[in-house]
Amino acid sequence: MAQVMQLRPRERVWLDPSRIGALYAELGGAEVRALLDRAMTEMAVVRRDLGAQYDARDFDGFARNLRRMRRIAEHLGLTTLGTVAGDVGTCLDRGDATALAATWARLARSADQALAGGWDAAG
């Protein structure tokens, strides 16, 4: 009898500590905590919407939310997430369904990891 191996890749979501440091210098501790709370809430909504749009093949809405995800990630210094969102957009623009499926799966894992607070400091 053949065995089926199930792969469960985990993503490392890199956080640029200089970006968070710059936000603290600009806004102060309480404001940054509030900003992070709002941004993570927005990221959760965008992640949910991206999943629904991908499943429904609503690629116009999907592209808009990819740009939103990338902006949020870059603003917070979540470098992996921003890069992968850009890669998904590139695959979408090229019409490469196989690459789109693979990069979307990676973005979904990365976003889920970021939302769970699993960040690693880069640098």
N, C-alpha and C. Protein backbone atom coordinates (compact mmCIF):
# COMPACT_ATOMS: atom_id res chain seq x y z
N MET A 1 0.85 -1.17 0.00
CA MET A 1 0.00 0.00 0.00
C MET A 1 0.90 1.25 0.00
N ALA A 2 0.59 2.20 -0.83
CA ALA A 2 1.37 3.43 -0.95
C ALA A 2 1.04 4.37 0.21
N GLN A 3 2.07 5.05 0.66
CA GLN A 3 1.88 6.05 1.71
C GLN A 3 1.78 7.43 1.07
N VAL A 4 0.93 8.23 1.63
CA VAL A 4 0.76 9.59 1.15
C VAL A 4 1.45 10.51 2.15
N MET A 5 2.36 11.32 1.64
CA MET A 5 3.07 12.26 2.50
C MET A 5 2.37 13.61 2.41
N GLN A 6 2.13 14.19 3.54
CA GLN A 6 1.49 15.49 3.57
C GLN A 6 2.53 16.53 3.97
N LEU A 7 2.74 17.51 3.12
CA LEU A 7 3.69 18.58 3.39
C LEU A 7 2.97 19.74 4.04
N ARG A 8 3.59 20.33 5.03
CA ARG A 8 3.03 21.49 5.71
C ARG A 8 4.10 22.58 5.80
N PRO A 9 4.30 23.28 4.70
CA PRO A 9 5.34 24.32 4.73
C PRO A 9 4.98 25.45 5.69
N ARG A 10 5.99 25.98 6.36
CA ARG A 10 5.80 27.13 7.24
C ARG A 10 6.62 28.27 6.66
N GLU A 11 6.07 29.43 6.75
CA GLU A 11 6.75 30.61 6.23
C GLU A 11 7.39 31.38 7.36
N ARG A 12 8.51 31.97 7.07
CA ARG A 12 9.13 32.92 7.99
C ARG A 12 8.77 34.30 7.48
N VAL A 13 8.16 35.06 8.33
CA VAL A 13 7.77 36.42 7.97
C VAL A 13 8.77 37.36 8.61
N TRP A 14 9.53 38.04 7.76
CA TRP A 14 10.59 38.92 8.23
C TRP A 14 10.05 40.30 8.52
N LEU A 15 10.44 40.81 9.66
CA LEU A 15 10.07 42.16 10.10
C LEU A 15 11.33 43.01 10.08
N ASP A 16 11.25 44.14 9.43
CA ASP A 16 12.36 45.09 9.40
C ASP A 16 12.27 45.95 10.66
N PRO A 17 13.13 45.70 11.65
CA PRO A 17 13.02 46.43 12.91
C PRO A 17 13.25 47.93 12.75
N SER A 18 13.97 48.33 11.71
CA SER A 18 14.21 49.77 11.51
C SER A 18 12.90 50.48 11.15
N ARG A 19 12.00 49.79 10.48
CA ARG A 19 10.71 50.40 10.12
C ARG A 19 9.87 50.64 11.37
N ILE A 20 9.81 49.67 12.25
CA ILE A 20 9.07 49.84 13.49
C ILE A 20 9.73 50.92 14.34
N GLY A 21 11.06 50.93 14.36
CA GLY A 21 11.79 51.96 15.09
C GLY A 21 11.47 53.35 14.57
N ALA A 22 11.40 53.48 13.26
CA ALA A 22 11.06 54.78 12.66
C ALA A 22 9.64 55.20 13.03
N LEU A 23 8.72 54.24 13.05
CA LEU A 23 7.35 54.55 13.46
C LEU A 23 7.30 55.00 14.92
N TYR A 24 8.05 54.33 15.79
CA TYR A 24 8.10 54.73 17.20
C TYR A 24 8.67 56.14 17.34
N ALA A 25 9.73 56.43 16.58
CA ALA A 25 10.34 57.76 16.65
C ALA A 25 9.38 58.83 16.15
N GLU A 26 8.61 58.50 15.13
CA GLU A 26 7.69 59.46 14.52
C GLU A 26 6.43 59.65 15.36
N LEU A 27 5.88 58.56 15.89
CA LEU A 27 4.56 58.61 16.51
C LEU A 27 4.54 58.44 18.02
N GLY A 28 5.49 57.71 18.55
CA GLY A 28 5.45 57.40 19.98
C GLY A 28 4.79 56.05 20.22
N GLY A 29 5.04 55.50 21.41
CA GLY A 29 4.62 54.14 21.73
C GLY A 29 3.14 53.87 21.63
N ALA A 30 2.32 54.71 22.27
CA ALA A 30 0.87 54.46 22.27
C ALA A 30 0.30 54.55 20.86
N GLU A 31 0.76 55.50 20.10
CA GLU A 31 0.26 55.66 18.72
C GLU A 31 0.67 54.48 17.84
N VAL A 32 1.89 53.99 18.03
CA VAL A 32 2.34 52.85 17.22
C VAL A 32 1.54 51.60 17.57
N ARG A 33 1.27 51.39 18.84
CA ARG A 33 0.45 50.23 19.22
C ARG A 33 -0.94 50.32 18.60
N ALA A 34 -1.52 51.50 18.60
CA ALA A 34 -2.84 51.69 17.98
C ALA A 34 -2.75 51.47 16.47
N LEU A 35 -1.70 51.98 15.86
CA LEU A 35 -1.50 51.80 14.41
C LEU A 35 -1.35 50.32 14.08
N LEU A 36 -0.57 49.60 14.87
CA LEU A 36 -0.38 48.16 14.64
C LEU A 36 -1.70 47.41 14.78
N ASP A 37 -2.48 47.76 15.78
CA ASP A 37 -3.79 47.12 15.96
C ASP A 37 -4.69 47.35 14.74
N ARG A 38 -4.75 48.60 14.28
CA ARG A 38 -5.59 48.91 13.11
C ARG A 38 -5.07 48.20 11.86
N ALA A 39 -3.75 48.22 11.68
CA ALA A 39 -3.16 47.61 10.48
C ALA A 39 -3.37 46.10 10.48
N MET A 40 -3.23 45.46 11.63
CA MET A 40 -3.43 44.02 11.68
C MET A 40 -4.89 43.65 11.46
N THR A 41 -5.79 44.47 11.96
CA THR A 41 -7.22 44.25 11.70
C THR A 41 -7.51 44.39 10.21
N GLU A 42 -6.96 45.44 9.60
CA GLU A 42 -7.16 45.63 8.16
C GLU A 42 -6.53 44.49 7.37
N MET A 43 -5.35 44.03 7.80
CA MET A 43 -4.69 42.93 7.10
C MET A 43 -5.54 41.67 7.18
N ALA A 44 -6.17 41.41 8.32
CA ALA A 44 -7.04 40.24 8.46
C ALA A 44 -8.22 40.32 7.49
N VAL A 45 -8.80 41.49 7.35
CA VAL A 45 -9.92 41.68 6.42
C VAL A 45 -9.45 41.47 4.98
N VAL A 46 -8.30 42.04 4.65
CA VAL A 46 -7.76 41.90 3.29
C VAL A 46 -7.45 40.44 3.01
N ARG A 47 -6.86 39.74 3.98
CA ARG A 47 -6.53 38.32 3.80
C ARG A 47 -7.80 37.51 3.53
N ARG A 48 -8.85 37.78 4.30
CA ARG A 48 -10.12 37.08 4.10
C ARG A 48 -10.68 37.37 2.71
N ASP A 49 -10.67 38.65 2.33
CA ASP A 49 -11.21 39.05 1.02
C ASP A 49 -10.40 38.44 -0.12
N LEU A 50 -9.07 38.40 0.03
CA LEU A 50 -8.24 37.81 -1.02
C LEU A 50 -8.62 36.35 -1.24
N GLY A 51 -8.81 35.62 -0.15
CA GLY A 51 -9.19 34.21 -0.27
C GLY A 51 -10.51 34.04 -1.01
N ALA A 52 -11.48 34.84 -0.65
CA ALA A 52 -12.80 34.77 -1.30
C ALA A 52 -12.70 35.17 -2.76
N GLN A 53 -11.93 36.21 -3.05
CA GLN A 53 -11.81 36.68 -4.43
C GLN A 53 -11.06 35.67 -5.30
N TYR A 54 -10.04 35.05 -4.75
CA TYR A 54 -9.31 34.04 -5.51
C TYR A 54 -10.23 32.87 -5.82
N ASP A 55 -10.96 32.40 -4.81
CA ASP A 55 -11.87 31.27 -5.01
C ASP A 55 -12.95 31.59 -6.04
N ALA A 56 -13.43 32.84 -6.04
CA ALA A 56 -14.49 33.26 -6.97
C ALA A 56 -13.94 33.69 -8.32
N ARG A 57 -12.62 33.68 -8.45
CA ARG A 57 -11.94 34.14 -9.67
C ARG A 57 -12.26 35.60 -9.99
N ASP A 58 -12.44 36.40 -8.94
CA ASP A 58 -12.63 37.84 -9.07
C ASP A 58 -11.25 38.49 -9.07
N PHE A 59 -10.57 38.42 -10.21
CA PHE A 59 -9.18 38.84 -10.25
C PHE A 59 -9.00 40.35 -10.27
N ASP A 60 -10.04 41.12 -10.59
CA ASP A 60 -9.94 42.58 -10.46
C ASP A 60 -9.89 42.96 -8.98
N GLY A 61 -10.81 42.44 -8.20
CA GLY A 61 -10.81 42.69 -6.77
C GLY A 61 -9.58 42.11 -6.10
N PHE A 62 -9.16 40.95 -6.56
CA PHE A 62 -7.97 40.28 -6.03
C PHE A 62 -6.74 41.18 -6.23
N ALA A 63 -6.60 41.76 -7.42
CA ALA A 63 -5.46 42.64 -7.71
C ALA A 63 -5.48 43.87 -6.81
N ARG A 64 -6.66 44.46 -6.62
CA ARG A 64 -6.76 45.63 -5.74
C ARG A 64 -6.34 45.29 -4.31
N ASN A 65 -6.81 44.15 -3.82
CA ASN A 65 -6.47 43.77 -2.46
C ASN A 65 -5.02 43.32 -2.32
N LEU A 66 -4.43 42.80 -3.39
CA LEU A 66 -2.99 42.51 -3.35
C LEU A 66 -2.20 43.80 -3.12
N ARG A 67 -2.59 44.85 -3.82
CA ARG A 67 -1.91 46.14 -3.65
C ARG A 67 -2.10 46.66 -2.23
N ARG A 68 -3.30 46.48 -1.68
CA ARG A 68 -3.57 46.89 -0.30
C ARG A 68 -2.71 46.11 0.68
N MET A 69 -2.63 44.80 0.48
CA MET A 69 -1.81 43.95 1.35
C MET A 69 -0.35 44.39 1.30
N ARG A 70 0.12 44.67 0.10
CA ARG A 70 1.52 45.08 -0.05
C ARG A 70 1.78 46.41 0.66
N ARG A 71 0.86 47.37 0.52
CA ARG A 71 1.03 48.67 1.19
C ARG A 71 1.06 48.52 2.71
N ILE A 72 0.14 47.72 3.24
CA ILE A 72 0.09 47.50 4.68
C ILE A 72 1.41 46.87 5.15
N ALA A 73 1.81 45.81 4.46
CA ALA A 73 3.02 45.09 4.84
C ALA A 73 4.25 46.00 4.79
N GLU A 74 4.37 46.77 3.73
CA GLU A 74 5.53 47.65 3.61
C GLU A 74 5.51 48.74 4.67
N HIS A 75 4.34 49.25 4.98
CA HIS A 75 4.23 50.29 6.01
C HIS A 75 4.69 49.77 7.37
N LEU A 76 4.40 48.50 7.65
CA LEU A 76 4.76 47.91 8.94
C LEU A 76 6.16 47.32 8.94
N GLY A 77 6.79 47.22 7.78
CA GLY A 77 8.11 46.61 7.71
C GLY A 77 8.07 45.09 7.61
N LEU A 78 6.94 44.53 7.22
CA LEU A 78 6.82 43.08 7.02
C LEU A 78 7.32 42.77 5.61
N THR A 79 8.63 42.65 5.48
CA THR A 79 9.27 42.59 4.17
C THR A 79 8.86 41.36 3.37
N THR A 80 8.80 40.21 4.00
CA THR A 80 8.42 38.99 3.29
C THR A 80 7.03 39.13 2.69
N LEU A 81 6.11 39.58 3.50
CA LEU A 81 4.73 39.70 3.08
C LEU A 81 4.58 40.66 1.90
N GLY A 82 5.26 41.80 1.97
CA GLY A 82 5.20 42.77 0.88
C GLY A 82 5.78 42.22 -0.41
N THR A 83 6.91 41.53 -0.29
CA THR A 83 7.56 40.94 -1.47
C THR A 83 6.67 39.88 -2.11
N VAL A 84 6.12 39.00 -1.30
CA VAL A 84 5.30 37.91 -1.83
C VAL A 84 4.02 38.46 -2.46
N ALA A 85 3.42 39.48 -1.86
CA ALA A 85 2.23 40.10 -2.46
C ALA A 85 2.57 40.65 -3.84
N GLY A 86 3.74 41.27 -3.98
CA GLY A 86 4.18 41.75 -5.29
C GLY A 86 4.38 40.62 -6.27
N ASP A 87 4.95 39.49 -5.81
CA ASP A 87 5.15 38.33 -6.67
C ASP A 87 3.83 37.76 -7.17
N VAL A 88 2.83 37.71 -6.29
CA VAL A 88 1.50 37.22 -6.69
C VAL A 88 0.93 38.14 -7.77
N GLY A 89 1.08 39.44 -7.58
CA GLY A 89 0.60 40.40 -8.58
C GLY A 89 1.28 40.21 -9.92
N THR A 90 2.57 39.95 -9.90
CA THR A 90 3.32 39.71 -11.15
C THR A 90 2.78 38.48 -11.87
N CYS A 91 2.54 37.41 -11.12
CA CYS A 91 2.00 36.18 -11.73
C CYS A 91 0.60 36.42 -12.29
N LEU A 92 -0.19 37.20 -11.59
CA LEU A 92 -1.53 37.55 -12.06
C LEU A 92 -1.44 38.34 -13.35
N ASP A 93 -0.57 39.34 -13.38
CA ASP A 93 -0.40 40.17 -14.58
C ASP A 93 0.06 39.35 -15.78
N ARG A 94 0.89 38.36 -15.53
CA ARG A 94 1.42 37.52 -16.62
C ARG A 94 0.43 36.45 -17.08
N GLY A 95 -0.62 36.23 -16.30
CA GLY A 95 -1.61 35.22 -16.67
C GLY A 95 -1.11 33.80 -16.49
N ASP A 96 -0.15 33.59 -15.62
CA ASP A 96 0.44 32.28 -15.37
C ASP A 96 -0.31 31.63 -14.21
N ALA A 97 -1.29 30.79 -14.54
CA ALA A 97 -2.17 30.21 -13.52
C ALA A 97 -1.43 29.32 -12.54
N THR A 98 -0.44 28.57 -13.00
CA THR A 98 0.30 27.68 -12.12
C THR A 98 1.14 28.48 -11.12
N ALA A 99 1.86 29.46 -11.63
CA ALA A 99 2.67 30.31 -10.74
C ALA A 99 1.78 31.11 -9.80
N LEU A 100 0.63 31.55 -10.30
CA LEU A 100 -0.31 32.29 -9.45
C LEU A 100 -0.78 31.42 -8.29
N ALA A 101 -1.14 30.19 -8.58
CA ALA A 101 -1.60 29.29 -7.51
C ALA A 101 -0.51 29.07 -6.46
N ALA A 102 0.73 28.89 -6.92
CA ALA A 102 1.83 28.64 -5.99
C ALA A 102 2.15 29.88 -5.15
N THR A 103 2.22 31.03 -5.80
CA THR A 103 2.56 32.25 -5.05
C THR A 103 1.41 32.68 -4.15
N TRP A 104 0.18 32.46 -4.59
CA TRP A 104 -0.97 32.77 -3.74
C TRP A 104 -0.94 31.89 -2.48
N ALA A 105 -0.62 30.60 -2.64
CA ALA A 105 -0.54 29.71 -1.48
C ALA A 105 0.54 30.21 -0.52
N ARG A 106 1.66 30.69 -1.05
CA ARG A 106 2.71 31.21 -0.18
C ARG A 106 2.26 32.50 0.52
N LEU A 107 1.58 33.37 -0.21
CA LEU A 107 1.09 34.60 0.40
C LEU A 107 0.09 34.29 1.51
N ALA A 108 -0.80 33.35 1.26
CA ALA A 108 -1.80 32.97 2.27
C ALA A 108 -1.10 32.46 3.54
N ARG A 109 -0.08 31.61 3.37
CA ARG A 109 0.67 31.11 4.53
C ARG A 109 1.40 32.25 5.24
N SER A 110 2.03 33.13 4.47
CA SER A 110 2.78 34.25 5.06
C SER A 110 1.85 35.19 5.81
N ALA A 111 0.71 35.50 5.22
CA ALA A 111 -0.25 36.40 5.87
C ALA A 111 -0.79 35.77 7.15
N ASP A 112 -1.09 34.49 7.09
CA ASP A 112 -1.59 33.80 8.29
C ASP A 112 -0.53 33.82 9.39
N GLN A 113 0.73 33.60 9.01
CA GLN A 113 1.82 33.64 9.99
C GLN A 113 1.97 35.04 10.58
N ALA A 114 1.90 36.07 9.73
CA ALA A 114 2.02 37.45 10.21
C ALA A 114 0.87 37.79 11.15
N LEU A 115 -0.32 37.37 10.81
CA LEU A 115 -1.49 37.64 11.66
C LEU A 115 -1.41 36.92 12.99
N ALA A 116 -0.71 35.80 13.00
CA ALA A 116 -0.52 35.05 14.25
C ALA A 116 0.61 35.64 15.09
N GLY A 117 1.29 36.66 14.54
CA GLY A 117 2.38 37.30 15.28
C GLY A 117 3.70 36.59 15.15
N GLY A 118 3.83 35.71 14.18
CA GLY A 118 5.07 34.96 13.98
C GLY A 118 6.06 35.72 13.11
N TRP A 119 6.66 36.75 13.68
CA TRP A 119 7.59 37.59 12.92
C TRP A 119 9.00 37.31 13.39
N ASP A 120 9.93 37.32 12.46
CA ASP A 120 11.35 37.23 12.76
C ASP A 120 11.99 38.55 12.36
N ALA A 121 12.83 39.09 13.21
CA ALA A 121 13.52 40.33 12.88
C ALA A 121 14.60 40.07 11.85
N ALA A 122 14.62 40.90 10.83
CA ALA A 122 15.64 40.80 9.79
C ALA A 122 16.80 41.71 10.17
N GLY A 123 17.96 41.32 9.71
CA GLY A 123 19.11 42.20 9.89
C GLY A 123 19.99 41.81 10.93
